[in-house]
């Protein structure tokens, strides 16, 4: 999986680019919004076009409160809808 993949898909799932001042690195930071309000769920992507390592996949999975790599891939590949992702987060007590 490459870093260029995923960022647009995240925005479709309820994540917005986090323009916070303390993010002065080479990554785009995203925060999940619930009913227009920011949540504690956030992740980031490198702005480069390279493969994402297994370590980064595990870290991102943890950041977005998913349990399996398959769930993360479903989120990226749009087989998990915004409503399904939100319901999963609600069921697990993350929002």
N, C-alpha and C. Protein backbone atom coordinates (compact mmCIF):
# COMPACT_ATOMS: atom_id res chain seq x y z
N UNK A 1 0.86 -1.17 0.00
CA UNK A 1 0.00 0.00 0.00
C UNK A 1 0.90 1.23 0.00
N UNK A 2 0.52 2.25 -0.76
CA UNK A 2 1.33 3.45 -0.85
C UNK A 2 0.71 4.60 -0.07
N UNK A 3 1.55 5.56 0.29
CA UNK A 3 1.09 6.67 1.11
C UNK A 3 0.10 7.56 0.36
N UNK A 4 0.19 7.62 -0.95
CA UNK A 4 -0.75 8.44 -1.70
C UNK A 4 -2.16 7.86 -1.64
N UNK A 5 -2.26 6.56 -1.43
CA UNK A 5 -3.56 5.93 -1.27
C UNK A 5 -3.97 6.09 0.18
N UNK A 6 -5.23 6.35 0.39
CA UNK A 6 -5.69 6.42 1.77
C UNK A 6 -6.14 7.79 2.19
N UNK A 7 -5.41 8.83 1.84
CA UNK A 7 -5.76 10.15 2.36
C UNK A 7 -7.14 10.60 1.89
N UNK A 8 -7.44 10.48 0.62
CA UNK A 8 -8.76 10.86 0.12
C UNK A 8 -9.85 9.98 0.67
N UNK A 9 -9.55 8.70 0.80
CA UNK A 9 -10.51 7.76 1.35
C UNK A 9 -10.82 8.10 2.79
N UNK A 10 -9.83 8.56 3.55
CA UNK A 10 -10.07 8.93 4.94
C UNK A 10 -11.03 10.11 5.03
N UNK A 11 -10.89 11.06 4.13
CA UNK A 11 -11.78 12.22 4.16
C UNK A 11 -13.23 11.78 3.90
N UNK A 12 -13.43 10.78 3.07
CA UNK A 12 -14.77 10.27 2.82
C UNK A 12 -15.34 9.54 4.04
N UNK A 13 -14.50 9.13 4.95
CA UNK A 13 -14.93 8.40 6.14
C UNK A 13 -15.17 9.29 7.34
N UNK A 14 -15.01 10.59 7.19
CA UNK A 14 -15.27 11.50 8.29
C UNK A 14 -14.02 12.13 8.88
N UNK A 15 -12.86 11.86 8.30
CA UNK A 15 -11.62 12.48 8.75
C UNK A 15 -11.44 13.80 8.00
N UNK A 16 -10.86 14.77 8.69
CA UNK A 16 -10.53 16.05 8.07
C UNK A 16 -9.06 16.33 8.32
N UNK A 17 -8.47 17.08 7.39
CA UNK A 17 -7.07 17.47 7.58
C UNK A 17 -6.99 18.34 8.82
N UNK A 18 -6.08 18.01 9.71
CA UNK A 18 -5.87 18.74 10.95
C UNK A 18 -4.78 19.77 10.70
N UNK A 19 -5.16 21.02 10.69
CA UNK A 19 -4.23 22.12 10.39
C UNK A 19 -3.54 22.66 11.64
N UNK A 20 -3.51 21.88 12.70
CA UNK A 20 -2.93 22.31 13.96
C UNK A 20 -1.51 22.81 13.77
N UNK A 21 -1.16 23.87 14.46
CA UNK A 21 0.15 24.50 14.31
C UNK A 21 1.31 23.59 14.68
N UNK A 22 1.12 22.65 15.60
CA UNK A 22 2.26 21.83 16.03
C UNK A 22 2.61 20.74 15.03
N UNK A 23 1.88 20.65 13.92
CA UNK A 23 2.18 19.66 12.89
C UNK A 23 3.04 20.31 11.80
N UNK A 24 4.30 20.50 12.09
CA UNK A 24 5.21 21.14 11.13
C UNK A 24 6.19 20.12 10.57
N UNK A 25 5.67 18.97 10.12
CA UNK A 25 6.53 17.95 9.57
C UNK A 25 6.07 17.60 8.17
N UNK A 26 6.58 16.53 7.61
CA UNK A 26 6.27 16.17 6.23
C UNK A 26 5.09 15.20 6.14
N UNK A 27 4.14 15.35 7.05
CA UNK A 27 2.98 14.47 7.07
C UNK A 27 1.69 15.30 7.01
N UNK A 28 0.64 14.67 6.48
CA UNK A 28 -0.69 15.25 6.56
C UNK A 28 -1.39 14.57 7.73
N UNK A 29 -1.87 15.37 8.64
CA UNK A 29 -2.53 14.86 9.84
C UNK A 29 -4.05 14.93 9.65
N UNK A 30 -4.72 13.86 10.08
CA UNK A 30 -6.17 13.77 9.93
C UNK A 30 -6.81 13.47 11.28
N UNK A 31 -7.96 14.12 11.52
CA UNK A 31 -8.73 13.90 12.75
C UNK A 31 -10.14 13.48 12.34
N UNK A 32 -10.71 12.50 13.08
CA UNK A 32 -12.06 12.03 12.82
C UNK A 32 -13.06 12.96 13.50
N UNK A 33 -14.10 13.32 12.75
CA UNK A 33 -15.14 14.21 13.27
C UNK A 33 -16.44 13.44 13.45
N UNK A 34 -17.13 13.73 14.55
CA UNK A 34 -18.42 13.12 14.87
C UNK A 34 -19.43 14.25 15.02
N UNK A 35 -20.43 14.23 14.18
CA UNK A 35 -21.46 15.27 14.19
C UNK A 35 -20.85 16.67 14.14
N UNK A 36 -19.83 16.83 13.31
CA UNK A 36 -19.19 18.13 13.13
C UNK A 36 -18.18 18.51 14.19
N UNK A 37 -17.99 17.67 15.19
CA UNK A 37 -17.05 17.96 16.28
C UNK A 37 -15.83 17.05 16.19
N UNK A 38 -14.63 17.58 16.47
CA UNK A 38 -13.44 16.74 16.42
C UNK A 38 -13.43 15.70 17.54
N UNK A 39 -12.96 14.51 17.23
CA UNK A 39 -12.81 13.45 18.24
C UNK A 39 -11.34 13.32 18.60
N UNK A 40 -11.03 12.36 19.45
CA UNK A 40 -9.64 12.08 19.83
C UNK A 40 -8.96 11.15 18.83
N UNK A 41 -9.67 10.71 17.81
CA UNK A 41 -9.12 9.76 16.84
C UNK A 41 -8.41 10.53 15.74
N UNK A 42 -7.13 10.25 15.57
CA UNK A 42 -6.33 10.94 14.57
C UNK A 42 -5.26 10.01 14.01
N UNK A 43 -4.79 10.34 12.83
CA UNK A 43 -3.70 9.60 12.21
C UNK A 43 -2.98 10.55 11.27
N UNK A 44 -1.92 10.07 10.64
CA UNK A 44 -1.21 10.91 9.67
C UNK A 44 -0.59 10.05 8.58
N UNK A 45 -0.33 10.72 7.44
CA UNK A 45 0.30 10.09 6.28
C UNK A 45 1.50 10.91 5.87
N UNK A 46 2.52 10.23 5.38
CA UNK A 46 3.64 10.92 4.77
C UNK A 46 3.16 11.57 3.48
N UNK A 47 3.73 12.72 3.14
CA UNK A 47 3.36 13.38 1.91
C UNK A 47 4.08 12.78 0.71
N UNK A 48 5.01 11.87 0.94
CA UNK A 48 5.72 11.23 -0.16
C UNK A 48 4.90 10.12 -0.79
N UNK A 49 5.39 9.59 -1.89
CA UNK A 49 4.72 8.50 -2.59
C UNK A 49 5.59 7.26 -2.44
N UNK A 50 5.35 6.53 -1.37
CA UNK A 50 6.16 5.34 -1.09
C UNK A 50 5.28 4.29 -0.43
N UNK A 51 5.80 3.08 -0.36
CA UNK A 51 5.05 2.02 0.30
C UNK A 51 5.02 2.26 1.80
N UNK A 52 3.88 1.94 2.40
CA UNK A 52 3.73 2.02 3.85
C UNK A 52 4.24 0.73 4.45
N UNK A 53 5.08 0.82 5.46
CA UNK A 53 5.67 -0.37 6.08
C UNK A 53 4.64 -1.08 6.97
N UNK A 54 4.93 -2.33 7.30
CA UNK A 54 4.06 -3.08 8.20
C UNK A 54 3.95 -2.38 9.55
N UNK A 55 5.05 -1.81 10.03
CA UNK A 55 5.02 -1.07 11.29
C UNK A 55 4.04 0.10 11.20
N UNK A 56 4.10 0.85 10.11
CA UNK A 56 3.20 2.00 9.95
C UNK A 56 1.74 1.56 9.85
N UNK A 57 1.48 0.44 9.20
CA UNK A 57 0.12 -0.09 9.11
C UNK A 57 -0.39 -0.44 10.50
N UNK A 58 0.44 -1.09 11.31
CA UNK A 58 0.03 -1.44 12.68
C UNK A 58 -0.23 -0.18 13.50
N UNK A 59 0.62 0.82 13.36
CA UNK A 59 0.47 2.07 14.09
C UNK A 59 -0.81 2.80 13.67
N UNK A 60 -1.06 2.87 12.37
CA UNK A 60 -2.27 3.54 11.88
C UNK A 60 -3.52 2.79 12.33
N UNK A 61 -3.47 1.47 12.31
CA UNK A 61 -4.60 0.66 12.77
C UNK A 61 -4.93 1.01 14.21
N UNK A 62 -3.93 1.13 15.03
CA UNK A 62 -4.11 1.50 16.44
C UNK A 62 -4.67 2.92 16.55
N UNK A 63 -4.13 3.85 15.78
CA UNK A 63 -4.55 5.25 15.85
C UNK A 63 -6.02 5.43 15.51
N UNK A 64 -6.51 4.66 14.53
CA UNK A 64 -7.91 4.83 14.09
C UNK A 64 -8.83 3.82 14.77
N UNK A 65 -8.31 3.16 15.81
CA UNK A 65 -9.10 2.30 16.70
C UNK A 65 -9.67 1.06 16.01
N UNK A 66 -8.90 0.49 15.09
CA UNK A 66 -9.32 -0.74 14.43
C UNK A 66 -8.51 -1.90 14.99
N UNK A 67 -9.09 -3.09 14.97
CA UNK A 67 -8.44 -4.26 15.59
C UNK A 67 -7.60 -5.08 14.63
N UNK A 68 -7.97 -5.09 13.35
CA UNK A 68 -7.27 -5.96 12.42
C UNK A 68 -6.79 -5.17 11.20
N UNK A 69 -5.81 -5.75 10.52
CA UNK A 69 -5.33 -5.15 9.29
C UNK A 69 -6.43 -5.18 8.23
N UNK A 70 -7.25 -6.22 8.25
CA UNK A 70 -8.36 -6.31 7.30
C UNK A 70 -9.34 -5.14 7.49
N UNK A 71 -9.59 -4.75 8.73
CA UNK A 71 -10.46 -3.60 8.98
C UNK A 71 -9.84 -2.32 8.41
N UNK A 72 -8.54 -2.15 8.61
CA UNK A 72 -7.86 -0.96 8.10
C UNK A 72 -7.92 -0.94 6.57
N UNK A 73 -7.67 -2.08 5.95
CA UNK A 73 -7.72 -2.15 4.49
C UNK A 73 -9.14 -1.88 3.99
N UNK A 74 -10.15 -2.35 4.72
CA UNK A 74 -11.54 -2.07 4.34
C UNK A 74 -11.81 -0.57 4.41
N UNK A 75 -11.25 0.09 5.40
CA UNK A 75 -11.41 1.53 5.53
C UNK A 75 -10.75 2.24 4.35
N UNK A 76 -9.52 1.83 4.00
CA UNK A 76 -8.78 2.42 2.89
C UNK A 76 -9.44 2.16 1.54
N UNK A 77 -9.88 0.94 1.34
CA UNK A 77 -10.39 0.54 0.03
C UNK A 77 -11.88 0.82 -0.14
N UNK A 78 -12.44 1.51 0.83
CA UNK A 78 -13.84 1.95 0.78
C UNK A 78 -14.84 0.81 0.78
N UNK A 79 -14.47 -0.36 1.28
CA UNK A 79 -15.47 -1.40 1.45
C UNK A 79 -16.16 -1.25 2.81
N UNK A 80 -15.60 -0.41 3.67
CA UNK A 80 -16.25 -0.04 4.93
C UNK A 80 -16.75 1.40 4.77
N UNK A 81 -18.04 1.59 4.90
CA UNK A 81 -18.62 2.92 4.74
C UNK A 81 -18.37 3.78 5.98
N UNK A 82 -18.64 5.07 5.82
CA UNK A 82 -18.55 5.99 6.96
C UNK A 82 -19.46 5.52 8.09
N UNK A 83 -20.70 5.15 7.75
CA UNK A 83 -21.66 4.71 8.76
C UNK A 83 -21.20 3.43 9.46
N UNK A 84 -20.62 2.50 8.70
CA UNK A 84 -20.12 1.27 9.30
C UNK A 84 -18.94 1.55 10.23
N UNK A 85 -18.03 2.43 9.80
CA UNK A 85 -16.88 2.78 10.64
C UNK A 85 -17.36 3.47 11.92
N UNK A 86 -18.27 4.41 11.78
CA UNK A 86 -18.78 5.12 12.96
C UNK A 86 -19.49 4.15 13.91
N UNK A 87 -20.30 3.23 13.38
CA UNK A 87 -20.98 2.23 14.22
C UNK A 87 -19.98 1.35 14.94
N UNK A 88 -18.91 0.97 14.25
CA UNK A 88 -17.86 0.15 14.86
C UNK A 88 -17.22 0.92 16.02
N UNK A 89 -16.91 2.20 15.82
CA UNK A 89 -16.32 3.01 16.88
C UNK A 89 -17.26 3.17 18.07
N UNK A 90 -18.54 3.35 17.79
CA UNK A 90 -19.54 3.44 18.86
C UNK A 90 -19.63 2.13 19.64
N UNK A 91 -19.71 1.01 18.91
CA UNK A 91 -19.80 -0.30 19.55
C UNK A 91 -18.61 -0.59 20.46
N UNK A 92 -17.45 -0.10 20.07
CA UNK A 92 -16.22 -0.36 20.84
C UNK A 92 -15.94 0.71 21.88
N UNK A 93 -16.82 1.71 21.97
CA UNK A 93 -16.70 2.73 23.00
C UNK A 93 -15.66 3.80 22.74
N UNK A 94 -15.30 3.99 21.49
CA UNK A 94 -14.27 5.00 21.16
C UNK A 94 -14.86 6.37 20.91
N UNK A 95 -16.15 6.42 20.61
CA UNK A 95 -16.81 7.73 20.42
C UNK A 95 -18.16 7.68 21.13
